[in-house]
């Protein structure tokens, strides 16, 4: 059986790509491209979920990036909200609730929220605003 030179090039190229992917993919997984709860400095239990986040501040803007981790598989949706609190703990600024949906079997979903502080904020928190369970089909 005779194989043309073109097929040999294709096979070599495919083999090279296969070897390259075998070398690169484990490195991508190890580099932490998918965030984990431990990657975030702030954590709050909010049954039936846990919220993990980090804050970034710039002039006139506070941003929260994080994960909502469900504790129960039957939680389908959640809404989280970034709050600005004054020295007494009173809410003085807040974002519109951010929708989080579990569309896969993964138990963690990411979120990003941006808040424009009003001035008297002393600290910022992410809180669970609301959640819904999956609807069960009638028998």
Protein backbone atom coordinates (compact mmCIF):
# COMPACT_ATOMS: atom_id res chain seq x y z
CA UNK A 1 0.00 0.00 0.00
CA UNK A 2 1.37 3.33 -0.99
CA UNK A 3 0.63 6.50 1.05
CA UNK A 4 1.01 9.84 -0.67
CA UNK A 5 3.33 12.51 0.68
CA UNK A 6 0.32 14.76 1.42
CA UNK A 7 -1.22 12.15 3.75
CA UNK A 8 2.09 11.74 5.57
CA UNK A 9 2.16 15.51 6.19
CA UNK A 10 -1.42 15.47 7.47
CA UNK A 11 -0.72 12.50 9.75
CA UNK A 12 2.44 14.12 11.11
CA UNK A 13 0.59 17.40 11.68
CA UNK A 14 -2.23 15.59 13.47
CA UNK A 15 0.23 13.69 15.62
CA UNK A 16 2.02 16.92 16.48
CA UNK A 17 -1.27 18.59 17.45
CA UNK A 18 -2.24 15.58 19.57
CA UNK A 19 1.07 15.64 21.40
CA UNK A 20 0.88 19.40 21.87
CA UNK A 21 -2.66 19.18 23.29
CA UNK A 22 -1.56 16.42 25.67
CA UNK A 23 1.17 18.71 26.97
CA UNK A 24 -0.88 21.92 27.19
CA UNK A 25 -4.24 20.77 28.55
CA UNK A 26 -2.95 19.51 31.90
CA UNK A 27 -1.08 22.79 32.29
CA UNK A 28 -4.27 24.75 31.72
CA UNK A 29 -6.11 22.76 34.35
CA UNK A 30 -3.27 23.17 36.83
CA UNK A 31 -3.04 26.92 36.21
CA UNK A 32 -6.45 27.42 37.82
CA UNK A 33 -8.37 28.86 34.89
CA UNK A 34 -11.60 27.74 36.55
CA UNK A 35 -12.01 29.68 39.80
CA UNK A 36 -12.52 27.75 43.03
CA UNK A 37 -13.98 28.96 46.33
CA UNK A 38 -10.49 28.99 47.85
CA UNK A 39 -9.43 31.58 45.25
CA UNK A 40 -11.59 34.26 46.90
CA UNK A 41 -10.83 36.12 50.15
CA UNK A 42 -14.45 36.67 51.27
CA UNK A 43 -16.89 33.86 52.09
CA UNK A 44 -20.38 33.83 53.52
CA UNK A 45 -22.74 30.92 54.11
CA UNK A 46 -26.23 31.78 52.87
CA UNK A 47 -28.17 28.52 52.99
CA UNK A 48 -28.87 26.88 50.59
CA UNK A 49 -25.75 28.39 48.93
CA UNK A 50 -22.30 29.67 49.86
CA UNK A 51 -20.99 32.90 48.34
CA UNK A 52 -17.30 33.50 47.66
CA UNK A 53 -16.00 36.80 46.27
CA UNK A 54 -13.24 39.38 45.92
CA UNK A 55 -13.56 43.15 45.75
CA UNK A 56 -11.81 45.50 43.37
CA UNK A 57 -12.01 49.21 44.04
CA UNK A 58 -11.32 52.15 41.76
CA UNK A 59 -12.36 55.78 42.04
CA UNK A 60 -16.17 55.81 42.23
CA UNK A 61 -16.53 52.08 41.43
CA UNK A 62 -16.51 48.87 43.47
CA UNK A 63 -16.57 45.54 41.68
CA UNK A 64 -17.31 42.11 43.15
CA UNK A 65 -16.28 38.96 41.28
CA UNK A 66 -17.05 35.57 42.72
CA UNK A 67 -18.83 32.27 42.84
CA UNK A 68 -22.15 31.11 44.17
CA UNK A 69 -21.80 27.50 45.28
CA UNK A 70 -25.01 25.58 45.81
CA UNK A 71 -25.19 23.16 48.72
CA UNK A 72 -28.22 21.33 47.35
CA UNK A 73 -28.65 20.10 43.78
CA UNK A 74 -32.29 21.15 43.66
CA UNK A 75 -31.40 24.87 43.84
CA UNK A 76 -31.94 26.13 40.29
CA UNK A 77 -31.61 29.92 40.48
CA UNK A 78 -30.21 32.50 42.84
CA UNK A 79 -29.94 36.26 42.89
CA UNK A 80 -27.04 37.93 44.67
CA UNK A 81 -26.51 41.59 45.45
CA UNK A 82 -23.54 43.82 46.26
CA UNK A 83 -24.25 46.15 49.18
CA UNK A 84 -22.43 49.20 50.53
CA UNK A 85 -22.79 49.58 54.31
CA UNK A 86 -22.04 52.56 56.55
CA UNK A 87 -20.27 52.40 59.92
CA UNK A 88 -23.47 51.30 61.70
CA UNK A 89 -24.16 48.46 59.21
CA UNK A 90 -26.99 50.30 57.47
CA UNK A 91 -27.29 49.71 53.72
CA UNK A 92 -26.50 52.94 51.87
CA UNK A 93 -25.95 51.65 48.33
CA UNK A 94 -26.74 48.47 46.42
CA UNK A 95 -26.76 46.88 42.98
CA UNK A 96 -29.67 45.40 41.14
CA UNK A 97 -29.77 41.69 42.07
CA UNK A 98 -27.61 39.58 39.76
CA UNK A 99 -29.16 36.38 38.40
CA UNK A 100 -27.21 33.12 38.77
CA UNK A 101 -28.45 29.95 37.08
CA UNK A 102 -27.18 26.39 37.33
CA UNK A 103 -27.52 24.96 33.83
CA UNK A 104 -25.11 22.10 34.30
CA UNK A 105 -24.13 19.59 36.93
CA UNK A 106 -21.45 21.97 38.26
CA UNK A 107 -22.28 23.33 41.70
CA UNK A 108 -20.47 26.67 41.29
CA UNK A 109 -21.48 29.55 39.03
CA UNK A 110 -19.64 32.84 38.67
CA UNK A 111 -20.90 36.40 38.95
CA UNK A 112 -19.66 39.97 38.52
CA UNK A 113 -21.32 43.10 39.93
CA UNK A 114 -20.36 46.77 39.82
CA UNK A 115 -21.51 49.38 42.32
CA UNK A 116 -21.13 53.17 42.35
CA UNK A 117 -20.77 54.13 46.02
CA UNK A 118 -22.70 57.12 47.36
CA UNK A 119 -20.05 58.20 49.84
CA UNK A 120 -20.66 56.99 53.40
CA UNK A 121 -19.81 53.32 52.70
CA UNK A 122 -17.37 51.77 55.17
CA UNK A 123 -17.51 48.24 53.82
CA UNK A 124 -19.05 46.15 51.05
CA UNK A 125 -20.72 42.75 51.16
CA UNK A 126 -22.29 40.30 48.74
CA UNK A 127 -25.51 38.79 50.02
CA UNK A 128 -28.08 36.31 48.81
CA UNK A 129 -31.13 38.25 47.65
CA UNK A 130 -33.35 35.32 46.68
CA UNK A 131 -33.30 31.75 45.35
CA UNK A 132 -35.59 29.17 43.77
CA UNK A 133 -35.68 25.40 43.83
CA UNK A 134 -36.31 23.24 40.78
CA UNK A 135 -39.95 22.57 40.12
CA UNK A 136 -40.94 18.96 40.49
CA UNK A 137 -43.03 17.39 37.77
CA UNK A 138 -46.43 16.23 39.01
CA UNK A 139 -46.83 12.43 39.28
